[in-house]
Amino acid sequence: MIAQDIILKPVITEKSTSEIAEGKYTFKVAVDATKTQIKDAVEKLFNVRVLSVNVVNYDGKLRRQRYAIGRTPAFKKAIVTIATESKDITYLGKGGKATKVGKKYKTSIEEFGFGQ
């Protein structure tokens, strides 16, 4: 699977928007995706460093339309924690000068639909 097939869409609720300040982003993901696939997909799509992935499976609810009983589709939700503090790496370069290496990863996901 490619990254776009794993991450389906962001879940925007009151709770998920309040968790963005802590670096936790919530996504609706493919039902057969594993935690490592979700981690790799988020790192590839948004260029962030993922610290942890928590996954919740939801079964479809029973619904009734007149005489027929059916189920809503089952889905999987992933709560991804990203590194919000990236430190500049310094090392001694040529001539004993301290050299800084720029940040490789972003500290937030701007594509999520709103700013912090």
PDB file of N, CA and C in Angstrom:
ATOM      1  N   MET A   1       0.838  -1.192   0.000  1.00  0.00           N
ATOM      2  CA  MET A   1       0.000   0.000   0.000  1.00  0.00           C
ATOM      3  C   MET A   1       0.877   1.247   0.000  1.00  0.00           C
ATOM      4  N   ILE A   2       0.403   2.271  -0.650  1.00  0.00           N
ATOM      5  CA  ILE A   2       1.121   3.546  -0.627  1.00  0.00           C
ATOM      6  C   ILE A   2       0.554   4.411   0.491  1.00  0.00           C
ATOM      7  N   ALA A   3       1.258   5.466   0.828  1.00  0.00           N
ATOM      8  CA  ALA A   3       0.900   6.288   1.983  1.00  0.00           C
ATOM      9  C   ALA A   3      -0.482   6.917   1.844  1.00  0.00           C
ATOM     10  N   GLN A   4      -0.867   7.294   0.630  1.00  0.00           N
ATOM     11  CA  GLN A   4      -2.173   7.915   0.432  1.00  0.00           C
ATOM     12  C   GLN A   4      -3.311   6.924   0.635  1.00  0.00           C
ATOM     13  N   ASP A   5      -3.050   5.634   0.468  1.00  0.00           N
ATOM     14  CA  ASP A   5      -4.079   4.625   0.704  1.00  0.00           C
ATOM     15  C   ASP A   5      -4.230   4.295   2.183  1.00  0.00           C
ATOM     16  N   ILE A   6      -3.221   4.573   2.982  1.00  0.00           N
ATOM     17  CA  ILE A   6      -3.266   4.254   4.413  1.00  0.00           C
ATOM     18  C   ILE A   6      -3.965   5.358   5.188  1.00  0.00           C
ATOM     19  N   ILE A   7      -3.548   6.613   4.997  1.00  0.00           N
ATOM     20  CA  ILE A   7      -4.165   7.753   5.688  1.00  0.00           C
ATOM     21  C   ILE A   7      -5.335   8.216   4.841  1.00  0.00           C
ATOM     22  N   LEU A   8      -6.569   8.012   5.327  1.00  0.00           N
ATOM     23  CA  LEU A   8      -7.748   8.355   4.542  1.00  0.00           C
ATOM     24  C   LEU A   8      -8.152   9.815   4.714  1.00  0.00           C
ATOM     25  N   LYS A   9      -8.306  10.258   5.977  1.00  0.00           N
ATOM     26  CA  LYS A   9      -8.678  11.648   6.219  1.00  0.00           C
ATOM     27  C   LYS A   9      -8.444  11.983   7.685  1.00  0.00           C
ATOM     28  N   PRO A  10      -8.306  13.279   8.000  1.00  0.00           N
ATOM     29  CA  PRO A  10      -8.160  13.654   9.408  1.00  0.00           C
ATOM     30  C   PRO A  10      -9.510  13.609  10.123  1.00  0.00           C
ATOM     31  N   VAL A  11      -9.469  13.324  11.404  1.00  0.00           N
ATOM     32  CA  VAL A  11     -10.669  13.352  12.235  1.00  0.00           C
ATOM     33  C   VAL A  11     -10.635  14.660  13.009  1.00  0.00           C
ATOM     34  N   ILE A  12     -11.600  15.534  12.732  1.00  0.00           N
ATOM     35  CA  ILE A  12     -11.622  16.843  13.371  1.00  0.00           C
ATOM     36  C   ILE A  12     -12.817  16.899  14.313  1.00  0.00           C
ATOM     37  N   THR A  13     -12.521  16.760  15.597  1.00  0.00           N
ATOM     38  CA  THR A  13     -13.529  16.874  16.643  1.00  0.00           C
ATOM     39  C   THR A  13     -13.002  17.837  17.698  1.00  0.00           C
ATOM     40  N   GLU A  14     -13.809  18.129  18.685  1.00  0.00           N
ATOM     41  CA  GLU A  14     -13.375  19.037  19.739  1.00  0.00           C
ATOM     42  C   GLU A  14     -12.190  18.451  20.508  1.00  0.00           C
ATOM     43  N   LYS A  15     -12.251  17.165  20.793  1.00  0.00           N
ATOM     44  CA  LYS A  15     -11.169  16.530  21.528  1.00  0.00           C
ATOM     45  C   LYS A  15      -9.885  16.465  20.704  1.00  0.00           C
ATOM     46  N   SER A  16     -10.002  16.110  19.428  1.00  0.00           N
ATOM     47  CA  SER A  16      -8.796  15.990  18.605  1.00  0.00           C
ATOM     48  C   SER A  16      -8.140  17.349  18.374  1.00  0.00           C
ATOM     49  N   THR A  17      -8.905  18.406  18.264  1.00  0.00           N
ATOM     50  CA  THR A  17      -8.303  19.732  18.087  1.00  0.00           C
ATOM     51  C   THR A  17      -7.624  20.218  19.360  1.00  0.00           C
ATOM     52  N   SER A  18      -8.112  19.820  20.520  1.00  0.00           N
ATOM     53  CA  SER A  18      -7.452  20.210  21.764  1.00  0.00           C
ATOM     54  C   SER A  18      -6.161  19.424  21.989  1.00  0.00           C
ATOM     55  N   GLU A  19      -6.055  18.234  21.408  1.00  0.00           N
ATOM     56  CA  GLU A  19      -4.844  17.423  21.557  1.00  0.00           C
ATOM     57  C   GLU A  19      -3.728  17.842  20.611  1.00  0.00           C
ATOM     58  N   ILE A  20      -4.019  18.710  19.655  1.00  0.00           N
ATOM     59  CA  ILE A  20      -2.981  19.159  18.717  1.00  0.00           C
ATOM     60  C   ILE A  20      -1.892  19.935  19.449  1.00  0.00           C
ATOM     61  N   ALA A  21      -2.246  20.646  20.507  1.00  0.00           N
ATOM     62  CA  ALA A  21      -1.249  21.386  21.282  1.00  0.00           C
ATOM     63  C   ALA A  21      -0.224  20.447  21.912  1.00  0.00           C
ATOM     64  N   GLU A  22      -0.607  19.207  22.181  1.00  0.00           N
ATOM     65  CA  GLU A  22       0.307  18.211  22.746  1.00  0.00           C
ATOM     66  C   GLU A  22       1.052  17.433  21.664  1.00  0.00           C
ATOM     67  N   GLY A  23       0.763  17.727  20.385  1.00  0.00           N
ATOM     68  CA  GLY A  23       1.421  17.033  19.291  1.00  0.00           C
ATOM     69  C   GLY A  23       0.736  15.747  18.886  1.00  0.00           C
ATOM     70  N   LYS A  24      -0.549  15.592  19.221  1.00  0.00           N
ATOM     71  CA  LYS A  24      -1.297  14.385  18.871  1.00  0.00           C
ATOM     72  C   LYS A  24      -2.286  14.720  17.755  1.00  0.00           C
ATOM     73  N   TYR A  25      -2.177  13.995  16.656  1.00  0.00           N
ATOM     74  CA  TYR A  25      -3.053  14.189  15.513  1.00  0.00           C
ATOM     75  C   TYR A  25      -3.844  12.913  15.279  1.00  0.00           C
ATOM     76  N   THR A  26      -5.123  13.056  14.924  1.00  0.00           N
ATOM     77  CA  THR A  26      -6.020  11.923  14.766  1.00  0.00           C
ATOM     78  C   THR A  26      -6.392  11.772  13.295  1.00  0.00           C
ATOM     79  N   PHE A  27      -6.267  10.536  12.786  1.00  0.00           N
ATOM     80  CA  PHE A  27      -6.572  10.244  11.393  1.00  0.00           C
ATOM     81  C   PHE A  27      -7.467   9.025  11.298  1.00  0.00           C
ATOM     82  N   LYS A  28      -8.329   9.010  10.280  1.00  0.00           N
ATOM     83  CA  LYS A  28      -9.057   7.813   9.926  1.00  0.00           C
ATOM     84  C   LYS A  28      -8.170   7.074   8.943  1.00  0.00           C
ATOM     85  N   VAL A  29      -7.877   5.797   9.222  1.00  0.00           N
ATOM     86  CA  VAL A  29      -6.915   5.045   8.419  1.00  0.00           C
ATOM     87  C   VAL A  29      -7.573   3.799   7.840  1.00  0.00           C
ATOM     88  N   ALA A  30      -6.877   3.144   6.932  1.00  0.00           N
ATOM     89  CA  ALA A  30      -7.365   1.903   6.332  1.00  0.00           C
ATOM     90  C   ALA A  30      -7.510   0.830   7.406  1.00  0.00           C
ATOM     91  N   VAL A  31      -8.531   0.005   7.282  1.00  0.00           N
ATOM     92  CA  VAL A  31      -8.842  -0.995   8.306  1.00  0.00           C
ATOM     93  C   VAL A  31      -7.730  -2.032   8.442  1.00  0.00           C
ATOM     94  N   ASP A  32      -7.049  -2.356   7.343  1.00  0.00           N
ATOM     95  CA  ASP A  32      -6.016  -3.386   7.398  1.00  0.00           C
ATOM     96  C   ASP A  32      -4.611  -2.818   7.603  1.00  0.00           C
ATOM     97  N   ALA A  33      -4.479  -1.532   7.930  1.00  0.00           N
ATOM     98  CA  ALA A  33      -3.165  -0.914   8.131  1.00  0.00           C
ATOM     99  C   ALA A  33      -2.627  -1.245   9.523  1.00  0.00           C
ATOM    100  N   THR A  34      -1.316  -1.465   9.605  1.00  0.00           N
ATOM    101  CA  THR A  34      -0.671  -1.741  10.887  1.00  0.00           C
ATOM    102  C   THR A  34      -0.077  -0.446  11.444  1.00  0.00           C
ATOM    103  N   LYS A  35       0.383  -0.497  12.687  1.00  0.00           N
ATOM    104  CA  LYS A  35       0.965   0.683  13.318  1.00  0.00           C
ATOM    105  C   LYS A  35       2.225   1.149  12.590  1.00  0.00           C
ATOM    106  N   THR A  36       3.055   0.216  12.170  1.00  0.00           N
ATOM    107  CA  THR A  36       4.281   0.613  11.473  1.00  0.00           C
ATOM    108  C   THR A  36       3.979   1.219  10.111  1.00  0.00           C
ATOM    109  N   GLN A  37       2.975   0.702   9.417  1.00  0.00           N
ATOM    110  CA  GLN A  37       2.575   1.293   8.140  1.00  0.00           C
ATOM    111  C   GLN A  37       2.027   2.700   8.335  1.00  0.00           C
ATOM    112  N   ILE A  38       1.249   2.909   9.403  1.00  0.00           N
ATOM    113  CA  ILE A  38       0.695   4.234   9.697  1.00  0.00           C
ATOM    114  C   ILE A  38       1.821   5.203  10.025  1.00  0.00           C
ATOM    115  N   LYS A  39       2.781   4.753  10.826  1.00  0.00           N
ATOM    116  CA  LYS A  39       3.917   5.605  11.188  1.00  0.00           C
ATOM    117  C   LYS A  39       4.705   6.021   9.953  1.00  0.00           C
ATOM    118  N   ASP A  40       5.016   5.074   9.085  1.00  0.00           N
ATOM    119  CA  ASP A  40       5.771   5.373   7.871  1.00  0.00           C
ATOM    120  C   ASP A  40       4.994   6.310   6.945  1.00  0.00           C
ATOM    121  N   ALA A  41       3.678   6.109   6.850  1.00  0.00           N
ATOM    122  CA  ALA A  41       2.859   6.944   5.971  1.00  0.00           C
ATOM    123  C   ALA A  41       2.809   8.389   6.460  1.00  0.00           C
ATOM    124  N   VAL A  42       2.648   8.591   7.772  1.00  0.00           N
ATOM    125  CA  VAL A  42       2.594   9.953   8.321  1.00  0.00           C
ATOM    126  C   VAL A  42       3.944  10.637   8.161  1.00  0.00           C
ATOM    127  N   GLU A  43       5.026   9.914   8.417  1.00  0.00           N
ATOM    128  CA  GLU A  43       6.356  10.505   8.255  1.00  0.00           C
ATOM    129  C   GLU A  43       6.619  10.882   6.800  1.00  0.00           C
ATOM    130  N   LYS A  44       6.157  10.067   5.865  1.00  0.00           N
ATOM    131  CA  LYS A  44       6.383  10.341   4.454  1.00  0.00           C
ATOM    132  C   LYS A  44       5.510  11.489   3.956  1.00  0.00           C
ATOM    133  N   LEU A  45       4.225  11.490   4.326  1.00  0.00           N
ATOM    134  CA  LEU A  45       3.303  12.502   3.810  1.00  0.00           C
ATOM    135  C   LEU A  45       3.543  13.889   4.402  1.00  0.00           C
ATOM    136  N   PHE A  46       3.819  13.975   5.702  1.00  0.00           N
ATOM    137  CA  PHE A  46       3.873  15.266   6.374  1.00  0.00           C
ATOM    138  C   PHE A  46       5.274  15.691   6.800  1.00  0.00           C
ATOM    139  N   ASN A  47       6.292  14.843   6.586  1.00  0.00           N
ATOM    140  CA  ASN A  47       7.682  15.156   6.926  1.00  0.00           C
ATOM    141  C   ASN A  47       7.842  15.525   8.406  1.00  0.00           C
ATOM    142  N   VAL A  48       7.290  14.696   9.280  1.00  0.00           N
ATOM    143  CA  VAL A  48       7.414  14.862  10.729  1.00  0.00           C
ATOM    144  C   VAL A  48       8.000  13.589  11.312  1.00  0.00           C
ATOM    145  N   ARG A  49       8.496  13.671  12.557  1.00  0.00           N
ATOM    146  CA  ARG A  49       9.008  12.483  13.244  1.00  0.00           C
ATOM    147  C   ARG A  49       7.922  11.963  14.177  1.00  0.00           C
ATOM    148  N   VAL A  50       7.518  10.728  13.996  1.00  0.00           N
ATOM    149  CA  VAL A  50       6.443  10.125  14.781  1.00  0.00           C
ATOM    150  C   VAL A  50       7.046   9.427  15.991  1.00  0.00           C
ATOM    151  N   LEU A  51       6.521   9.758  17.181  1.00  0.00           N
ATOM    152  CA  LEU A  51       6.979   9.116  18.413  1.00  0.00           C
ATOM    153  C   LEU A  51       6.181   7.858  18.723  1.00  0.00           C
ATOM    154  N   SER A  52       4.849   7.927  18.582  1.00  0.00           N
ATOM    155  CA  SER A  52       4.027   6.754  18.875  1.00  0.00           C
ATOM    156  C   SER A  52       2.741   6.795  18.058  1.00  0.00           C
ATOM    157  N   VAL A  53       2.132   5.618  17.923  1.00  0.00           N
ATOM    158  CA  VAL A  53       0.871   5.472  17.204  1.00  0.00           C
ATOM    159  C   VAL A  53      -0.060   4.640  18.069  1.00  0.00           C
ATOM    160  N   ASN A  54      -1.229   5.169  18.371  1.00  0.00           N
ATOM    161  CA  ASN A  54      -2.269   4.426  19.079  1.00  0.00           C
ATOM    162  C   ASN A  54      -3.417   4.207  18.111  1.00  0.00           C
ATOM    163  N   VAL A  55      -3.966   2.980  18.108  1.00  0.00           N
ATOM    164  CA  VAL A  55      -4.977   2.606  17.129  1.00  0.00           C
ATOM    165  C   VAL A  55      -6.240   2.152  17.852  1.00  0.00           C
ATOM    166  N   VAL A  56      -7.404   2.573  17.312  1.00  0.00           N
ATOM    167  CA  VAL A  56      -8.704   2.168  17.851  1.00  0.00           C
ATOM    168  C   VAL A  56      -9.522   1.608  16.700  1.00  0.00           C
ATOM    169  N   ASN A  57     -10.057   0.388  16.870  1.00  0.00           N
ATOM    170  CA  ASN A  57     -10.940  -0.222  15.875  1.00  0.00           C
ATOM    171  C   ASN A  57     -12.381  -0.005  16.282  1.00  0.00           C
ATOM    172  N   TYR A  58     -13.198   0.459  15.352  1.00  0.00           N
ATOM    173  CA  TYR A  58     -14.618   0.670  15.608  1.00  0.00           C
ATOM    174  C   TYR A  58     -15.426  -0.286  14.741  1.00  0.00           C
ATOM    175  N   ASP A  59     -16.348  -1.028  15.369  1.00  0.00           N
ATOM    176  CA  ASP A  59     -17.272  -1.875  14.622  1.00  0.00           C
ATOM    177  C   ASP A  59     -18.423  -1.011  14.131  1.00  0.00           C
ATOM    178  N   GLY A  60     -19.053  -1.462  13.068  1.00  0.00           N
ATOM    179  CA  GLY A  60     -20.196  -0.733  12.551  1.00  0.00           C
ATOM    180  C   GLY A  60     -21.390  -0.865  13.493  1.00  0.00           C
ATOM    181  N   LYS A  61     -22.176   0.194  13.589  1.00  0.00           N
ATOM    182  CA  LYS A  61     -23.359   0.170  14.448  1.00  0.00           C
ATOM    183  C   LYS A  61     -24.538  -0.440  13.694  1.00  0.00           C
ATOM    184  N   LEU A  62     -25.420  -1.078  14.443  1.00  0.00           N
ATOM    185  CA  LEU A  62     -26.635  -1.615  13.834  1.00  0.00           C
ATOM    186  C   LEU A  62     -27.583  -0.462  13.531  1.00  0.00           C
ATOM    187  N   ARG A  63     -28.083  -0.421  12.315  1.00  0.00           N
ATOM    188  CA  ARG A  63     -29.041   0.584  11.889  1.00  0.00           C
ATOM    189  C   ARG A  63     -30.210  -0.126  11.222  1.00  0.00           C
ATOM    190  N   ARG A  64     -31.348   0.553  11.278  1.00  0.00           N
ATOM    191  CA  ARG A  64     -32.539  -0.049  10.717  1.00  0.00           C
ATOM    192  C   ARG A  64     -33.219   0.949   9.808  1.00  0.00           C
ATOM    193  N   GLN A  65     -33.583   0.507   8.621  1.00  0.00           N
ATOM    194  CA  GLN A  65     -34.389   1.317   7.720  1.00  0.00           C
ATOM    195  C   GLN A  65     -35.652   0.520   7.417  1.00  0.00           C
ATOM    196  N   ARG A  66     -36.686   0.945   8.014  1.00  0.00           N
ATOM    197  CA  ARG A  66     -37.985   0.291   7.928  1.00  0.00           C
ATOM    198  C   ARG A  66     -37.884  -1.160   8.395  1.00  0.00           C
ATOM    199  N   TYR A  67     -37.881  -2.122   7.489  1.00  0.00           N
ATOM    200  CA  TYR A  67     -37.857  -3.519   7.911  1.00  0.00           C
ATOM    201  C   TYR A  67     -36.471  -4.152   7.809  1.00  0.00           C
ATOM    202  N   ALA A  68     -35.573  -3.502   7.126  1.00  0.00           N
ATOM    203  CA  ALA A  68     -34.248  -4.075   6.905  1.00  0.00           C
ATOM    204  C   ALA A  68     -33.289  -3.613   8.000  1.00  0.00           C
ATOM    205  N   ILE A  69     -32.499  -4.539   8.514  1.00  0.00           N
ATOM    206  CA  ILE A  69     -31.494  -4.219   9.518  1.00  0.00           C
ATOM    207  C   ILE A  69     -30.129  -4.366   8.862  1.00  0.00           C
ATOM    208  N   GLY A  70     -29.271  -3.377   9.062  1.00  0.00           N
ATOM    209  CA  GLY A  70     -27.941  -3.418   8.477  1.00  0.00           C
ATOM    210  C   GLY A  70     -26.928  -2.815   9.434  1.00  0.00           C
ATOM    211  N   ARG A  71     -25.717  -2.683   8.972  1.00  0.00           N
ATOM    212  CA  ARG A  71     -24.632  -2.114   9.777  1.00  0.00           C
ATOM    213  C   ARG A  71     -23.995  -0.957   9.027  1.00  0.00           C
ATOM    214  N   THR A  72     -23.535   0.034   9.790  1.00  0.00           N
ATOM    215  CA  THR A  72     -22.713   1.077   9.210  1.00  0.00           C
ATOM    216  C   THR A  72     -21.310   0.495   9.035  1.00  0.00           C
ATOM    217  N   PRO A  73     -20.494   1.084   8.170  1.00  0.00           N
ATOM    218  CA  PRO A  73     -19.169   0.501   7.935  1.00  0.00           C
ATOM    219  C   PRO A  73     -18.266   0.597   9.168  1.00  0.00           C
ATOM    220  N   ALA A  74     -17.436  -0.430   9.360  1.00  0.00           N
ATOM    221  CA  ALA A  74     -16.426  -0.409  10.413  1.00  0.00           C
ATOM    222  C   ALA A  74     -15.266   0.459   9.947  1.00  0.00           C
ATOM    223  N   PHE A  75     -14.541   1.079  10.901  1.00  0.00           N
ATOM    224  CA  PHE A  75     -13.395   1.902  10.525  1.00  0.00           C
ATOM    225  C   PHE A  75     -12.346   1.837  11.612  1.00  0.00           C
ATOM    226  N   LYS A  76     -11.161   2.329  11.291  1.00  0.00           N
ATOM    227  CA  LYS A  76     -10.031   2.342  12.213  1.00  0.00           C
ATOM    228  C   LYS A  76      -9.559   3.781  12.358  1.00  0.00           C
ATOM    229  N   LYS A  77      -9.266   4.174  13.589  1.00  0.00           N
ATOM    230  CA  LYS A  77      -8.797   5.520  13.886  1.00  0.00           C
ATOM    231  C   LYS A  77      -7.418   5.424  14.522  1.00  0.00           C
ATOM    232  N   ALA A  78      -6.494   6.292  14.092  1.00  0.00           N
ATOM    233  CA  ALA A  78      -5.140   6.290  14.625  1.00  0.00           C
ATOM    234  C   ALA A  78      -4.832   7.646  15.235  1.00  0.00           C
ATOM    235  N   ILE A  79      -4.292   7.632  16.461  1.00  0.00           N
ATOM    236  CA  ILE A  79      -3.845   8.848  17.136  1.00  0.00           C
ATOM    237  C   ILE A  79      -2.320   8.830  17.090  1.00  0.00           C
ATOM    238  N   VAL A  80      -1.755   9.774  16.353  1.00  0.00           N
ATOM    239  CA  VAL A  80      -0.320   9.803  16.082  1.00  0.00           C
ATOM    240  C   VAL A  80       0.306  10.923  16.892  1.00  0.00           C
ATOM    241  N   THR A  81       1.319  10.602  17.699  1.00  0.00           N
ATOM    242  CA  THR A  81       2.048  11.595  18.474  1.00  0.00           C
ATOM    243  C   THR A  81       3.338  11.916  17.741  1.00  0.00           C
ATOM    244  N   ILE A  82       3.542  13.221  17.452  1.00  0.00           N
ATOM    245  CA  ILE A  82       4.748  13.626  16.735  1.00  0.00           C
ATOM    246  C   ILE A  82       5.673  14.373  17.684  1.00  0.00           C
ATOM    247  N   ALA A  83       6.931  14.479  17.286  1.00  0.00           N
ATOM    248  CA  ALA A  83       7.927  15.205  18.071  1.00  0.00           C
ATOM    249  C   ALA A  83       7.712  16.699  17.841  1.00  0.00           C
ATOM    250  N   THR A  84       7.369  17.430  18.902  1.00  0.00           N
ATOM    251  CA  THR A  84       7.110  18.860  18.760  1.00  0.00           C
ATOM    252  C   THR A  84       8.338  19.702  19.050  1.00  0.00           C
ATOM    253  N   GLU A  85       9.328  19.136  19.712  1.00  0.00           N
ATOM    254  CA  GLU A  85      10.556  19.873  20.020  1.00  0.00           C
ATOM    255  C   GLU A  85      11.701  19.240  19.250  1.00  0.00           C
ATOM    256  N   SER A  86      12.144  19.925  18.219  1.00  0.00           N
ATOM    257  CA  SER A  86      13.306  19.423  17.493  1.00  0.00           C
ATOM    258  C   SER A  86      14.493  20.306  17.844  1.00  0.00           C
ATOM    259  N   LYS A  87      15.565  19.684  18.278  1.00  0.00           N
ATOM    260  CA  LYS A  87      16.758  20.413  18.698  1.00  0.00           C
ATOM    261  C   LYS A  87      17.727  20.489  17.534  1.00  0.00           C
ATOM    262  N   ASP A  88      18.367  21.640  17.392  1.00  0.00           N
ATOM    263  CA  ASP A  88      19.414  21.762  16.388  1.00  0.00           C
ATOM    264  C   ASP A  88      20.622  20.954  16.858  1.00  0.00           C
ATOM    265  N   ILE A  89      21.199  20.198  15.961  1.00  0.00           N
ATOM    266  CA  ILE A  89      22.364  19.385  16.280  1.00  0.00           C
ATOM    267  C   ILE A  89      23.610  20.212  15.998  1.00  0.00           C
ATOM    268  N   THR A  90      24.493  20.310  16.989  1.00  0.00           N
ATOM    269  CA  THR A  90      25.743  21.038  16.791  1.00  0.00           C
ATOM    270  C   THR A  90      26.910  20.075  16.923  1.00  0.00           C
ATOM    271  N   TYR A  91      27.920  20.303  16.143  1.00  0.00           N
ATOM    272  CA  TYR A  91      29.132  19.501  16.225  1.00  0.00           C
ATOM    273  C   TYR A  91      30.317  20.395  15.890  1.00  0.00           C
ATOM    274  N   LEU A  92      31.512  19.940  16.256  1.00  0.00           N
ATOM    275  CA  LEU A  92      32.719  20.703  15.961  1.00  0.00           C
ATOM    276  C   LEU A  92      33.165  20.405  14.539  1.00  0.00           C
ATOM    277  N   GLY A  93      33.242  21.451  13.755  1.00  0.00           N
ATOM    278  CA  GLY A  93      33.628  21.308  12.358  1.00  0.00           C
ATOM    279  C   GLY A  93      35.099  21.597  12.161  1.00  0.00           C
ATOM    280  N   LYS A  94      35.429  21.971  10.965  1.00  0.00           N
ATOM    281  CA  LYS A  94      36.807  22.245  10.599  1.00  0.00           C
ATOM    282  C   LYS A  94      37.317  23.464  11.355  1.00  0.00           C
ATOM    283  N   GLY A  95      38.481  23.363  11.942  1.00  0.00           N
ATOM    284  CA  GLY A  95      39.054  24.476  12.678  1.00  0.00           C
ATOM    285  C   GLY A  95      38.488  24.644  14.075  1.00  0.00           C
ATOM    286  N   GLY A  96      37.716  23.687  14.561  1.00  0.00           N
ATOM    287  CA  GLY A  96      37.173  23.758  15.911  1.00  0.00           C
ATOM    288  C   GLY A  96      35.948  24.648  16.038  1.00  0.00           C
ATOM    289  N   LYS A  97      35.343  25.038  14.922  1.00  0.00           N
ATOM    290  CA  LYS A  97      34.144  25.876  14.956  1.00  0.00           C
ATOM    291  C   LYS A  97      32.911  25.007  15.181  1.00  0.00           C
ATOM    292  N   ALA A  98      31.985  25.533  15.971  1.00  0.00           N
ATOM    293  CA  ALA A  98      30.720  24.825  16.208  1.00  0.00           C
ATOM    294  C   ALA A  98      29.822  25.020  14.990  1.00  0.00           C
ATOM    295  N   THR A  99      29.358  23.930  14.419  1.00  0.00           N
ATOM    296  CA  THR A  99      28.516  23.968  13.235  1.00  0.00           C
ATOM    297  C   THR A  99      27.151  23.413  13.582  1.00  0.00           C
ATOM    298  N   LYS A 100      26.100  24.112  13.140  1.00  0.00           N
ATOM    299  CA  LYS A 100      24.737  23.655  13.391  1.00  0.00           C
ATOM    300  C   LYS A 100      24.187  22.961  12.158  1.00  0.00           C
ATOM    301  N   VAL A 101      23.431  21.900  12.417  1.00  0.00           N
ATOM    302  CA  VAL A 101      22.723  21.209  11.356  1.00  0.00           C
ATOM    303  C   VAL A 101      21.265  21.614  11.468  1.00  0.00           C
ATOM    304  N   GLY A 102      20.655  22.004  10.368  1.00  0.00           N
ATOM    305  CA  GLY A 102      19.260  22.440  10.377  1.00  0.00           C
ATOM    306  C   GLY A 102      18.310  21.314  10.744  1.00  0.00           C
ATOM    307  N   LYS A 103      17.083  21.705  11.070  1.00  0.00           N
ATOM    308  CA  LYS A 103      16.064  20.724  11.420  1.00  0.00           C
ATOM    309  C   LYS A 103      15.697  19.895  10.201  1.00  0.00           C
ATOM    310  N   LYS A 104      15.585  18.598  10.409  1.00  0.00           N
ATOM    311  CA  LYS A 104      15.199  17.722   9.318  1.00  0.00           C
ATOM    312  C   LYS A 104      13.682  17.554   9.271  1.00  0.00           C
ATOM    313  N   TYR A 105      13.047  17.609  10.424  1.00  0.00           N
ATOM    314  CA  TYR A 105      11.617  17.359  10.510  1.00  0.00           C
ATOM    315  C   TYR A 105      10.875  18.612  10.954  1.00  0.00           C
ATOM    316  N   LYS A 106       9.604  18.697  10.568  1.00  0.00           N
ATOM    317  CA  LYS A 106       8.755  19.785  11.024  1.00  0.00           C
ATOM    318  C   LYS A 106       8.223  19.455  12.419  1.00  0.00           C
ATOM    319  N   THR A 107       7.739  20.477  13.131  1.00  0.00           N
ATOM    320  CA  THR A 107       7.223  20.259  14.484  1.00  0.00           C
ATOM    321  C   THR A 107       5.704  20.328  14.544  1.00  0.00           C
ATOM    322  N   SER A 108       5.029  20.520  13.425  1.00  0.00           N
ATOM    323  CA  SER A 108       3.571  20.500  13.382  1.00  0.00           C
ATOM    324  C   SER A 108       3.132  20.128  11.978  1.00  0.00           C
ATOM    325  N   ILE A 109       1.863  19.778  11.848  1.00  0.00           N
ATOM    326  CA  ILE A 109       1.303  19.413  10.557  1.00  0.00           C
ATOM    327  C   ILE A 109       0.370  20.545  10.131  1.00  0.00           C
ATOM    328  N   GLU A 110       0.833  21.389   9.201  1.00  0.00           N
ATOM    329  CA  GLU A 110       0.021  22.512   8.755  1.00  0.00           C
ATOM    330  C   GLU A 110      -1.091  22.062   7.829  1.00  0.00           C
ATOM    331  N   GLU A 111      -0.909  20.930   7.156  1.00  0.00           N
ATOM    332  CA  GLU A 111      -1.896  20.437   6.194  1.00  0.00           C
ATOM    333  C   GLU A 111      -3.130  19.838   6.866  1.00  0.00           C
ATOM    334  N   PHE A 112      -3.177  19.851   8.187  1.00  0.00           N
ATOM    335  CA  PHE A 112      -4.253  19.211   8.926  1.00  0.00           C
ATOM    336  C   PHE A 112      -5.578  19.953   8.755  1.00  0.00           C
ATOM    337  N   GLY A 113      -5.542  21.183   8.298  1.00  0.00           N
ATOM    338  CA  GLY A 113      -6.782  21.906   8.035  1.00  0.00           C
ATOM    339  C   GLY A 113      -6.909  23.202   8.806  1.00  0.00           C
ATOM    340  N   PHE A 114      -6.083  23.410   9.800  1.00  0.00           N
ATOM    341  CA  PHE A 114      -6.121  24.636  10.587  1.00  0.00           C
ATOM    342  C   PHE A 114      -4.807  24.806  11.307  1.00  0.00           C
ATOM    343  N   GLY A 115      -4.512  26.037  11.732  1.00  0.00           N
ATOM    344  CA  GLY A 115      -3.260  26.310  12.431  1.00  0.00           C
ATOM    345  C   GLY A 115      -3.384  26.127  13.916  1.00  0.00           C
ATOM    346  N   GLN A 116      -2.232  26.194  14.576  1.00  0.00           N
ATOM    347  CA  GLN A 116      -2.261  26.019  16.029  1.00  0.00           C
ATOM    348  C   GLN A 116      -2.471  27.326  16.716  1.00  0.00           C
TER     349      GLN A 116
END
